[in-house]
């Protein structure tokens, strides 16, 4: 009986040691989840409507949810902000980013990601994004003010945007490329 107990204890100890050795591997896997924005690939599709991000002008967005290893992308900043402001949005968000249009090319924006809640937004400009009227996004107030002076629109901070300003109903009515 003593030998059997000794074997069981040894087996339990062995299993415990194996579990402890596996913990660093789990941390590395979870640590490999994006801690910041990841630029989209040419074939990356919008999470809401399946449109390819690279096919359309204007700023894009991305959200990394707390339970995800990769971000979901939005072909337009209105879609991203609408998603963040919807009352039914309950998934924990690790981060949300938009593109700094003071540095990115409007026709084919790549990279230049900034935190969505820290960005400055220009609403109501004559420049359109993938879904028509969009929110132009900027890191610097000087860039946002210059854009508004040249293209029209009103400068807003994230906290000033209401869900009514980013209502997605009828967004496709403004899209002439669909």
N, C-alpha and C. Protein backbone atom coordinates (compact mmCIF):
# COMPACT_ATOMS: atom_id res chain seq x y z
N UNK A 1 0.82 -1.18 0.00
CA UNK A 1 0.00 0.00 0.00
C UNK A 1 0.86 1.25 0.00
N UNK A 2 1.97 1.22 0.72
CA UNK A 2 2.87 2.36 0.78
C UNK A 2 3.47 2.63 -0.58
N UNK A 3 3.80 1.58 -1.32
CA UNK A 3 4.37 1.74 -2.66
C UNK A 3 3.35 2.40 -3.59
N UNK A 4 2.09 2.01 -3.49
CA UNK A 4 1.05 2.58 -4.32
C UNK A 4 0.87 4.06 -4.02
N UNK A 5 0.86 4.43 -2.73
CA UNK A 5 0.75 5.84 -2.36
C UNK A 5 1.95 6.63 -2.83
N UNK A 6 3.11 6.07 -2.71
CA UNK A 6 4.33 6.73 -3.17
C UNK A 6 4.26 6.98 -4.67
N UNK A 7 3.80 5.99 -5.44
CA UNK A 7 3.68 6.15 -6.90
C UNK A 7 2.66 7.23 -7.24
N UNK A 8 1.53 7.25 -6.52
CA UNK A 8 0.51 8.26 -6.78
C UNK A 8 1.05 9.66 -6.48
N UNK A 9 1.74 9.78 -5.35
CA UNK A 9 2.32 11.09 -4.99
C UNK A 9 3.35 11.51 -6.02
N UNK A 10 4.16 10.55 -6.44
CA UNK A 10 5.17 10.85 -7.47
C UNK A 10 4.48 11.26 -8.77
N UNK A 11 3.42 10.55 -9.12
CA UNK A 11 2.67 10.88 -10.34
C UNK A 11 2.04 12.26 -10.25
N UNK A 12 1.46 12.57 -9.10
CA UNK A 12 0.87 13.90 -8.90
C UNK A 12 1.94 14.99 -8.95
N UNK A 13 3.07 14.72 -8.30
CA UNK A 13 4.15 15.68 -8.32
C UNK A 13 4.67 15.90 -9.74
N UNK A 14 4.76 14.84 -10.50
CA UNK A 14 5.20 14.92 -11.89
C UNK A 14 4.22 15.75 -12.72
N UNK A 15 2.93 15.50 -12.54
CA UNK A 15 1.91 16.27 -13.25
C UNK A 15 1.97 17.74 -12.86
N UNK A 16 2.15 18.00 -11.56
CA UNK A 16 2.25 19.38 -11.09
C UNK A 16 3.46 20.09 -11.68
N UNK A 17 4.59 19.38 -11.73
CA UNK A 17 5.79 19.97 -12.32
C UNK A 17 5.60 20.26 -13.80
N UNK A 18 4.94 19.35 -14.49
CA UNK A 18 4.68 19.56 -15.92
C UNK A 18 3.77 20.77 -16.12
N UNK A 19 2.78 20.92 -15.27
CA UNK A 19 1.87 22.07 -15.37
C UNK A 19 2.63 23.37 -15.12
N UNK A 20 3.51 23.37 -14.11
CA UNK A 20 4.30 24.57 -13.84
C UNK A 20 5.22 24.91 -15.00
N UNK A 21 5.79 23.90 -15.62
CA UNK A 21 6.66 24.14 -16.77
C UNK A 21 5.87 24.67 -17.96
N UNK A 22 4.61 24.30 -18.07
CA UNK A 22 3.78 24.75 -19.20
C UNK A 22 3.31 26.19 -19.04
N UNK A 23 3.27 26.72 -17.81
CA UNK A 23 2.78 28.07 -17.59
C UNK A 23 3.54 29.14 -18.38
N UNK A 24 4.87 29.12 -18.41
CA UNK A 24 5.56 30.13 -19.21
C UNK A 24 5.17 30.05 -20.69
N UNK A 25 4.92 28.87 -21.20
CA UNK A 25 4.51 28.74 -22.59
C UNK A 25 3.15 29.38 -22.80
N UNK A 26 2.24 29.24 -21.82
CA UNK A 26 0.92 29.88 -21.93
C UNK A 26 1.08 31.38 -21.93
N UNK A 27 1.95 31.90 -21.05
CA UNK A 27 2.17 33.34 -21.00
C UNK A 27 2.71 33.84 -22.33
N UNK A 28 3.62 33.10 -22.94
CA UNK A 28 4.17 33.53 -24.22
C UNK A 28 3.10 33.55 -25.28
N UNK A 29 2.22 32.55 -25.29
CA UNK A 29 1.15 32.54 -26.29
C UNK A 29 0.21 33.70 -26.07
N UNK A 30 -0.19 33.95 -24.83
CA UNK A 30 -1.08 35.07 -24.59
C UNK A 30 -0.35 36.38 -24.80
N UNK A 31 0.91 36.44 -24.49
CA UNK A 31 1.69 37.64 -24.69
C UNK A 31 1.89 37.94 -26.16
N UNK A 32 1.70 36.95 -27.03
CA UNK A 32 1.88 37.20 -28.45
C UNK A 32 0.68 37.92 -29.05
N UNK A 33 -0.42 38.02 -28.30
CA UNK A 33 -1.56 38.79 -28.77
C UNK A 33 -1.11 40.24 -28.91
N UNK A 34 -1.62 40.88 -29.93
CA UNK A 34 -1.21 42.24 -30.22
C UNK A 34 -1.45 43.16 -29.03
N UNK A 35 -0.43 43.90 -28.66
CA UNK A 35 -0.57 44.88 -27.60
C UNK A 35 -0.86 46.25 -28.20
N UNK A 36 -0.67 46.36 -29.49
CA UNK A 36 -0.91 47.61 -30.20
C UNK A 36 -1.51 47.35 -31.56
N UNK A 37 -1.68 48.40 -32.34
CA UNK A 37 -2.30 48.23 -33.65
C UNK A 37 -1.44 47.42 -34.61
N UNK A 38 -2.11 46.71 -35.50
CA UNK A 38 -1.44 45.93 -36.53
C UNK A 38 -1.98 46.40 -37.87
N UNK A 39 -1.11 46.79 -38.78
CA UNK A 39 -1.58 47.26 -40.08
C UNK A 39 -2.25 46.13 -40.84
N UNK A 40 -3.23 46.47 -41.65
CA UNK A 40 -3.98 45.47 -42.39
C UNK A 40 -3.24 45.03 -43.64
N UNK A 41 -3.56 43.83 -44.09
CA UNK A 41 -3.00 43.27 -45.32
C UNK A 41 -3.90 43.66 -46.50
N UNK A 42 -3.43 43.53 -47.74
CA UNK A 42 -4.26 43.90 -48.90
C UNK A 42 -5.62 43.19 -48.95
N UNK A 43 -5.71 41.98 -48.45
CA UNK A 43 -6.96 41.24 -48.51
C UNK A 43 -7.81 41.32 -47.24
N UNK A 44 -7.45 42.22 -46.30
CA UNK A 44 -8.19 42.33 -45.05
C UNK A 44 -9.57 42.93 -45.29
N UNK A 45 -10.58 42.28 -44.74
CA UNK A 45 -11.97 42.72 -44.91
C UNK A 45 -12.48 43.39 -43.64
N UNK A 46 -13.43 44.28 -43.84
CA UNK A 46 -14.11 44.97 -42.74
C UNK A 46 -14.94 43.96 -41.96
N UNK A 47 -14.89 44.05 -40.64
CA UNK A 47 -15.62 43.13 -39.78
C UNK A 47 -17.14 43.29 -39.92
N UNK A 48 -17.61 44.48 -40.24
CA UNK A 48 -19.06 44.71 -40.31
C UNK A 48 -19.67 44.36 -41.66
N UNK A 49 -18.98 44.70 -42.75
CA UNK A 49 -19.62 44.55 -44.05
C UNK A 49 -18.83 43.76 -45.09
N UNK A 50 -17.64 43.31 -44.72
CA UNK A 50 -16.86 42.48 -45.63
C UNK A 50 -16.14 43.23 -46.73
N UNK A 51 -16.24 44.54 -46.77
CA UNK A 51 -15.53 45.32 -47.80
C UNK A 51 -14.02 45.23 -47.55
N UNK A 52 -13.24 45.19 -48.62
CA UNK A 52 -11.79 45.14 -48.48
C UNK A 52 -11.26 46.53 -48.15
N UNK A 53 -10.54 46.64 -47.06
CA UNK A 53 -10.05 47.94 -46.60
C UNK A 53 -9.20 48.64 -47.64
N UNK A 54 -8.34 47.91 -48.30
CA UNK A 54 -7.40 48.51 -49.25
C UNK A 54 -8.08 49.07 -50.50
N UNK A 55 -9.32 48.71 -50.73
CA UNK A 55 -10.02 49.17 -51.94
C UNK A 55 -10.67 50.53 -51.81
N UNK A 56 -10.64 51.13 -50.63
CA UNK A 56 -11.39 52.35 -50.40
C UNK A 56 -10.54 53.43 -49.74
N UNK A 57 -10.85 54.70 -50.02
CA UNK A 57 -10.10 55.81 -49.42
C UNK A 57 -10.55 56.08 -47.99
N UNK A 58 -9.84 56.98 -47.35
CA UNK A 58 -10.22 57.46 -46.03
C UNK A 58 -9.69 56.62 -44.89
N UNK A 59 -9.78 57.17 -43.69
CA UNK A 59 -9.23 56.51 -42.50
C UNK A 59 -9.96 55.22 -42.15
N UNK A 60 -9.22 54.28 -41.65
CA UNK A 60 -9.73 52.98 -41.20
C UNK A 60 -9.64 52.91 -39.68
N UNK A 61 -10.18 51.84 -39.14
CA UNK A 61 -10.10 51.62 -37.69
C UNK A 61 -9.91 50.16 -37.37
N UNK A 62 -9.51 49.91 -36.14
CA UNK A 62 -9.37 48.53 -35.65
C UNK A 62 -9.60 48.49 -34.15
N UNK A 63 -10.18 47.37 -33.71
CA UNK A 63 -10.41 47.13 -32.29
C UNK A 63 -9.79 45.79 -31.94
N UNK A 64 -9.08 45.77 -30.82
CA UNK A 64 -8.59 44.51 -30.26
C UNK A 64 -9.41 44.24 -29.01
N UNK A 65 -10.25 43.21 -29.11
CA UNK A 65 -11.09 42.84 -27.97
C UNK A 65 -10.27 42.07 -26.95
N UNK A 66 -10.69 42.12 -25.70
CA UNK A 66 -9.98 41.48 -24.60
C UNK A 66 -9.81 39.98 -24.74
N UNK A 67 -10.71 39.33 -25.46
CA UNK A 67 -10.64 37.88 -25.60
C UNK A 67 -10.04 37.45 -26.94
N UNK A 68 -9.48 38.38 -27.69
CA UNK A 68 -8.98 38.08 -29.04
C UNK A 68 -7.46 38.20 -29.12
N UNK A 69 -6.90 37.50 -30.08
CA UNK A 69 -5.46 37.57 -30.32
C UNK A 69 -5.13 38.49 -31.48
N UNK A 70 -6.14 38.82 -32.29
CA UNK A 70 -5.93 39.69 -33.44
C UNK A 70 -7.07 40.71 -33.49
N UNK A 71 -6.79 41.89 -34.03
CA UNK A 71 -7.84 42.91 -34.08
C UNK A 71 -8.88 42.61 -35.16
N UNK A 72 -10.03 43.27 -35.03
CA UNK A 72 -11.01 43.30 -36.11
C UNK A 72 -10.88 44.68 -36.74
N UNK A 73 -11.11 44.74 -38.04
CA UNK A 73 -10.89 45.97 -38.80
C UNK A 73 -12.19 46.56 -39.29
N UNK A 74 -12.17 47.86 -39.49
CA UNK A 74 -13.32 48.61 -39.99
C UNK A 74 -12.85 49.45 -41.17
N UNK A 75 -13.63 49.43 -42.25
CA UNK A 75 -13.22 50.17 -43.45
C UNK A 75 -13.49 51.65 -43.32
N UNK A 76 -14.12 52.07 -42.22
CA UNK A 76 -14.45 53.47 -42.04
C UNK A 76 -14.47 53.79 -40.54
N UNK A 77 -14.03 54.98 -40.18
CA UNK A 77 -13.99 55.36 -38.78
C UNK A 77 -15.38 55.51 -38.17
N UNK A 78 -16.38 55.84 -38.99
CA UNK A 78 -17.75 55.93 -38.47
C UNK A 78 -18.18 54.57 -37.94
N UNK A 79 -17.83 53.50 -38.64
CA UNK A 79 -18.16 52.14 -38.19
C UNK A 79 -17.49 51.82 -36.86
N UNK A 80 -16.22 52.16 -36.76
CA UNK A 80 -15.49 51.88 -35.53
C UNK A 80 -16.09 52.65 -34.36
N UNK A 81 -16.29 53.94 -34.51
CA UNK A 81 -16.81 54.75 -33.41
C UNK A 81 -18.24 54.31 -33.06
N UNK A 82 -19.04 54.00 -34.06
CA UNK A 82 -20.39 53.50 -33.81
C UNK A 82 -20.34 52.22 -32.97
N UNK A 83 -19.44 51.34 -33.30
CA UNK A 83 -19.29 50.08 -32.55
C UNK A 83 -18.90 50.37 -31.10
N UNK A 84 -17.97 51.28 -30.89
CA UNK A 84 -17.53 51.59 -29.53
C UNK A 84 -18.61 52.27 -28.70
N UNK A 85 -19.47 53.06 -29.34
CA UNK A 85 -20.48 53.82 -28.61
C UNK A 85 -21.82 53.12 -28.46
N UNK A 86 -22.00 51.99 -29.13
CA UNK A 86 -23.28 51.27 -29.01
C UNK A 86 -23.45 50.74 -27.60
N UNK A 87 -24.65 50.91 -27.03
CA UNK A 87 -24.87 50.42 -25.66
C UNK A 87 -24.75 48.90 -25.55
N UNK A 88 -24.98 48.19 -26.65
CA UNK A 88 -24.89 46.72 -26.59
C UNK A 88 -23.45 46.22 -26.70
N UNK A 89 -22.49 47.10 -26.89
CA UNK A 89 -21.08 46.72 -26.98
C UNK A 89 -20.60 46.41 -25.56
N UNK A 90 -20.50 45.14 -25.23
CA UNK A 90 -20.12 44.75 -23.87
C UNK A 90 -18.80 43.97 -23.82
N UNK A 91 -18.26 43.61 -24.99
CA UNK A 91 -16.98 42.89 -24.97
C UNK A 91 -15.88 43.81 -24.46
N UNK A 92 -15.01 43.31 -23.60
CA UNK A 92 -13.90 44.15 -23.14
C UNK A 92 -12.98 44.50 -24.31
N UNK A 93 -12.56 45.74 -24.35
CA UNK A 93 -11.71 46.25 -25.42
C UNK A 93 -10.31 46.51 -24.87
N UNK A 94 -9.31 45.86 -25.48
CA UNK A 94 -7.91 46.12 -25.09
C UNK A 94 -7.42 47.41 -25.71
N UNK A 95 -7.87 47.69 -26.93
CA UNK A 95 -7.44 48.90 -27.61
C UNK A 95 -8.26 49.14 -28.86
N UNK A 96 -8.35 50.41 -29.24
CA UNK A 96 -9.03 50.80 -30.47
C UNK A 96 -8.18 51.89 -31.12
N UNK A 97 -7.99 51.77 -32.43
CA UNK A 97 -7.11 52.68 -33.14
C UNK A 97 -7.74 53.15 -34.44
N UNK A 98 -7.34 54.36 -34.83
CA UNK A 98 -7.72 54.95 -36.12
C UNK A 98 -6.43 55.46 -36.76
N UNK A 99 -6.53 55.86 -38.01
CA UNK A 99 -5.33 56.33 -38.70
C UNK A 99 -5.19 57.84 -38.61
N UNK A 100 -3.97 58.31 -38.43
CA UNK A 100 -3.65 59.74 -38.40
C UNK A 100 -3.58 60.24 -39.83
N UNK A 101 -4.63 60.94 -40.26
CA UNK A 101 -4.68 61.41 -41.64
C UNK A 101 -3.83 62.65 -41.87
N UNK A 102 -3.17 63.13 -40.83
CA UNK A 102 -2.16 64.17 -40.99
C UNK A 102 -0.89 63.58 -41.57
N UNK A 103 -0.75 62.27 -41.48
CA UNK A 103 0.45 61.57 -41.98
C UNK A 103 0.13 60.54 -43.05
N UNK A 104 -1.07 59.98 -43.03
CA UNK A 104 -1.43 58.92 -43.99
C UNK A 104 -2.00 59.54 -45.27
N UNK A 105 -1.87 58.82 -46.37
CA UNK A 105 -2.42 59.23 -47.66
C UNK A 105 -3.92 58.93 -47.68
N UNK A 106 -4.74 59.93 -47.96
CA UNK A 106 -6.20 59.75 -47.93
C UNK A 106 -6.66 58.69 -48.93
N UNK A 107 -6.07 58.68 -50.11
CA UNK A 107 -6.51 57.75 -51.16
C UNK A 107 -6.18 56.31 -50.82
N UNK A 108 -5.04 56.08 -50.20
CA UNK A 108 -4.61 54.73 -49.84
C UNK A 108 -3.91 54.75 -48.49
N UNK A 109 -4.67 54.94 -47.42
CA UNK A 109 -4.03 55.05 -46.10
C UNK A 109 -3.43 53.72 -45.64
N UNK A 110 -2.24 53.80 -45.13
CA UNK A 110 -1.55 52.64 -44.54
C UNK A 110 -0.85 53.11 -43.27
N UNK A 111 -0.84 52.25 -42.27
CA UNK A 111 -0.13 52.56 -41.03
C UNK A 111 -0.64 53.83 -40.35
N UNK A 112 0.23 54.46 -39.60
CA UNK A 112 -0.05 55.72 -38.90
C UNK A 112 -1.21 55.59 -37.91
N UNK A 113 -1.20 54.51 -37.14
CA UNK A 113 -2.28 54.23 -36.18
C UNK A 113 -2.11 55.04 -34.90
N UNK A 114 -3.22 55.57 -34.41
CA UNK A 114 -3.25 56.32 -33.15
C UNK A 114 -4.44 55.82 -32.33
N UNK A 115 -4.38 56.02 -31.03
CA UNK A 115 -5.47 55.59 -30.16
C UNK A 115 -6.76 56.33 -30.51
N UNK A 116 -7.84 55.60 -30.69
CA UNK A 116 -9.11 56.19 -31.11
C UNK A 116 -9.62 57.23 -30.10
N UNK A 117 -9.48 56.96 -28.81
CA UNK A 117 -10.00 57.89 -27.82
C UNK A 117 -9.14 59.14 -27.66
N UNK A 118 -7.91 59.10 -28.13
CA UNK A 118 -7.03 60.26 -28.06
C UNK A 118 -7.06 61.07 -29.36
N UNK A 119 -7.62 60.52 -30.39
CA UNK A 119 -7.63 61.18 -31.71
C UNK A 119 -8.55 62.39 -31.72
N UNK A 120 -8.27 63.27 -32.66
CA UNK A 120 -9.16 64.40 -32.95
C UNK A 120 -9.92 64.02 -34.21
N UNK A 121 -11.20 64.37 -34.26
CA UNK A 121 -12.07 63.98 -35.37
C UNK A 121 -12.61 65.22 -36.06
N UNK A 122 -12.66 65.16 -37.39
CA UNK A 122 -13.32 66.22 -38.16
C UNK A 122 -14.54 65.57 -38.80
N UNK A 123 -15.71 66.08 -38.42
CA UNK A 123 -16.99 65.56 -38.90
C UNK A 123 -17.61 66.56 -39.87
N UNK A 124 -18.13 66.05 -40.99
CA UNK A 124 -18.85 66.91 -41.92
C UNK A 124 -17.99 67.53 -43.00
N UNK A 125 -16.84 66.96 -43.28
CA UNK A 125 -16.00 67.51 -44.35
C UNK A 125 -16.50 67.03 -45.71
N UNK A 126 -15.97 67.60 -46.77
CA UNK A 126 -16.33 67.17 -48.13
C UNK A 126 -15.58 65.91 -48.55
N UNK A 127 -14.59 65.49 -47.77
CA UNK A 127 -13.84 64.26 -48.06
C UNK A 127 -14.64 63.06 -47.59
N UNK A 128 -14.75 62.06 -48.45
CA UNK A 128 -15.50 60.86 -48.10
C UNK A 128 -14.57 59.67 -47.88
N UNK A 129 -15.05 58.75 -47.06
CA UNK A 129 -14.36 57.49 -46.82
C UNK A 129 -15.08 56.38 -47.56
N UNK A 130 -14.89 55.17 -47.12
CA UNK A 130 -15.46 54.02 -47.82
C UNK A 130 -16.98 53.99 -47.81
N UNK A 131 -17.60 54.57 -46.81
CA UNK A 131 -19.05 54.54 -46.69
C UNK A 131 -19.68 55.91 -46.92
N UNK A 132 -18.95 56.81 -47.56
CA UNK A 132 -19.46 58.16 -47.78
C UNK A 132 -18.91 59.11 -46.74
N UNK A 133 -19.77 59.99 -46.20
CA UNK A 133 -19.29 60.93 -45.17
C UNK A 133 -18.63 60.16 -44.02
N UNK A 134 -17.49 60.67 -43.59
CA UNK A 134 -16.72 59.95 -42.58
C UNK A 134 -16.22 60.89 -41.51
N UNK A 135 -15.55 60.36 -40.54
CA UNK A 135 -14.85 61.13 -39.52
C UNK A 135 -13.37 61.09 -39.86
N UNK A 136 -12.82 62.23 -40.25
CA UNK A 136 -11.38 62.29 -40.51
C UNK A 136 -10.67 62.32 -39.15
N UNK A 137 -9.60 61.57 -39.02
CA UNK A 137 -8.95 61.40 -37.72
C UNK A 137 -7.52 61.92 -37.74
N UNK A 138 -7.13 62.56 -36.64
CA UNK A 138 -5.82 63.20 -36.57
C UNK A 138 -5.22 63.07 -35.17
N UNK A 139 -3.90 63.07 -35.13
CA UNK A 139 -3.18 63.06 -33.85
C UNK A 139 -2.93 64.50 -33.38
N UNK A 140 -2.69 65.40 -34.31
CA UNK A 140 -2.34 66.78 -33.96
C UNK A 140 -3.47 67.75 -34.29
N UNK A 141 -3.74 68.65 -33.37
CA UNK A 141 -4.81 69.62 -33.57
C UNK A 141 -4.52 70.53 -34.77
N UNK A 142 -3.26 70.86 -35.00
CA UNK A 142 -2.91 71.70 -36.14
C UNK A 142 -3.28 71.02 -37.46
N UNK A 143 -3.03 69.72 -37.57
CA UNK A 143 -3.40 68.97 -38.78
C UNK A 143 -4.91 68.91 -38.95
N UNK A 144 -5.64 68.69 -37.86
CA UNK A 144 -7.10 68.61 -37.91
C UNK A 144 -7.69 69.96 -38.29
N UNK A 145 -7.17 71.05 -37.74
CA UNK A 145 -7.66 72.39 -38.04
C UNK A 145 -7.39 72.76 -39.50
N UNK A 146 -6.21 72.41 -39.98
CA UNK A 146 -5.87 72.67 -41.38
C UNK A 146 -6.80 71.90 -42.31
N UNK A 147 -7.04 70.63 -42.00
CA UNK A 147 -7.93 69.80 -42.80
C UNK A 147 -9.34 70.40 -42.83
N UNK A 148 -9.84 70.82 -41.67
CA UNK A 148 -11.18 71.41 -41.59
C UNK A 148 -11.26 72.72 -42.37
N UNK A 149 -10.21 73.53 -42.33
CA UNK A 149 -10.19 74.79 -43.08
C UNK A 149 -10.22 74.53 -44.59
N UNK A 150 -9.55 73.47 -45.04
CA UNK A 150 -9.49 73.15 -46.48
C UNK A 150 -10.69 72.36 -46.98
N UNK A 151 -11.28 71.52 -46.11
CA UNK A 151 -12.33 70.59 -46.55
C UNK A 151 -13.66 70.77 -45.84
N UNK A 152 -13.74 71.73 -44.94
CA UNK A 152 -14.95 71.91 -44.17
C UNK A 152 -15.02 70.94 -43.02
N UNK A 153 -16.04 71.08 -42.20
CA UNK A 153 -16.23 70.18 -41.09
C UNK A 153 -15.93 70.82 -39.76
N UNK A 154 -16.30 70.11 -38.72
CA UNK A 154 -16.12 70.58 -37.35
C UNK A 154 -15.20 69.64 -36.60
N UNK A 155 -14.27 70.21 -35.87
CA UNK A 155 -13.31 69.44 -35.08
C UNK A 155 -13.98 69.00 -33.77
N UNK A 156 -13.86 67.70 -33.46
CA UNK A 156 -14.44 67.12 -32.24
C UNK A 156 -13.42 66.23 -31.55
N UNK A 157 -13.56 66.12 -30.27
CA UNK A 157 -12.81 65.11 -29.51
C UNK A 157 -13.71 63.88 -29.38
N UNK A 158 -13.12 62.72 -29.10
CA UNK A 158 -13.88 61.48 -29.01
C UNK A 158 -15.06 61.63 -28.04
N UNK A 159 -14.83 62.27 -26.91
CA UNK A 159 -15.87 62.43 -25.88
C UNK A 159 -17.04 63.28 -26.35
N UNK A 160 -16.87 64.05 -27.42
CA UNK A 160 -17.94 64.90 -27.95
C UNK A 160 -18.80 64.21 -29.00
N UNK A 161 -18.39 63.04 -29.44
CA UNK A 161 -19.13 62.32 -30.47
C UNK A 161 -20.26 61.53 -29.81
N UNK A 162 -21.44 61.68 -30.35
CA UNK A 162 -22.61 60.97 -29.81
C UNK A 162 -22.97 59.81 -30.74
N UNK A 163 -23.70 58.83 -30.22
CA UNK A 163 -24.13 57.72 -31.07
C UNK A 163 -24.94 58.19 -32.29
N UNK A 164 -25.70 59.26 -32.14
CA UNK A 164 -26.49 59.78 -33.26
C UNK A 164 -25.60 60.29 -34.39
N UNK A 165 -24.40 60.76 -34.08
CA UNK A 165 -23.48 61.27 -35.09
C UNK A 165 -22.86 60.15 -35.93
N UNK A 166 -22.90 58.93 -35.41
CA UNK A 166 -22.28 57.80 -36.10
C UNK A 166 -23.30 56.68 -36.35
N UNK A 167 -24.52 57.09 -36.61
CA UNK A 167 -25.59 56.14 -36.91
C UNK A 167 -25.30 55.47 -38.25
N UNK A 168 -25.28 54.17 -38.27
CA UNK A 168 -24.95 53.43 -39.50
C UNK A 168 -26.15 53.14 -40.38
N UNK A 169 -27.33 53.44 -39.93
CA UNK A 169 -28.49 53.15 -40.76
C UNK A 169 -28.45 54.04 -42.00
N UNK A 170 -28.51 53.41 -43.15
CA UNK A 170 -28.48 54.14 -44.41
C UNK A 170 -27.10 54.50 -44.89
N UNK A 171 -26.04 54.01 -44.23
CA UNK A 171 -24.68 54.35 -44.65
C UNK A 171 -24.39 53.95 -46.07
N UNK A 172 -24.97 52.85 -46.53
CA UNK A 172 -24.72 52.41 -47.90
C UNK A 172 -25.35 53.33 -48.93
N UNK A 173 -26.30 54.16 -48.51
CA UNK A 173 -26.93 55.08 -49.45
C UNK A 173 -25.93 56.11 -49.96
N UNK A 174 -24.87 56.36 -49.19
CA UNK A 174 -23.86 57.34 -49.58
C UNK A 174 -22.72 56.73 -50.39
N UNK A 175 -22.70 55.42 -50.51
CA UNK A 175 -21.58 54.72 -51.15
C UNK A 175 -21.90 54.50 -52.63
N UNK A 176 -21.17 55.19 -53.48
CA UNK A 176 -21.40 55.06 -54.92
C UNK A 176 -20.57 53.95 -55.55
N UNK A 177 -19.72 53.28 -54.76
CA UNK A 177 -18.83 52.25 -55.30
C UNK A 177 -19.33 50.84 -55.06
N UNK A 178 -20.43 50.69 -54.32
CA UNK A 178 -20.92 49.35 -54.00
C UNK A 178 -21.66 48.77 -55.19
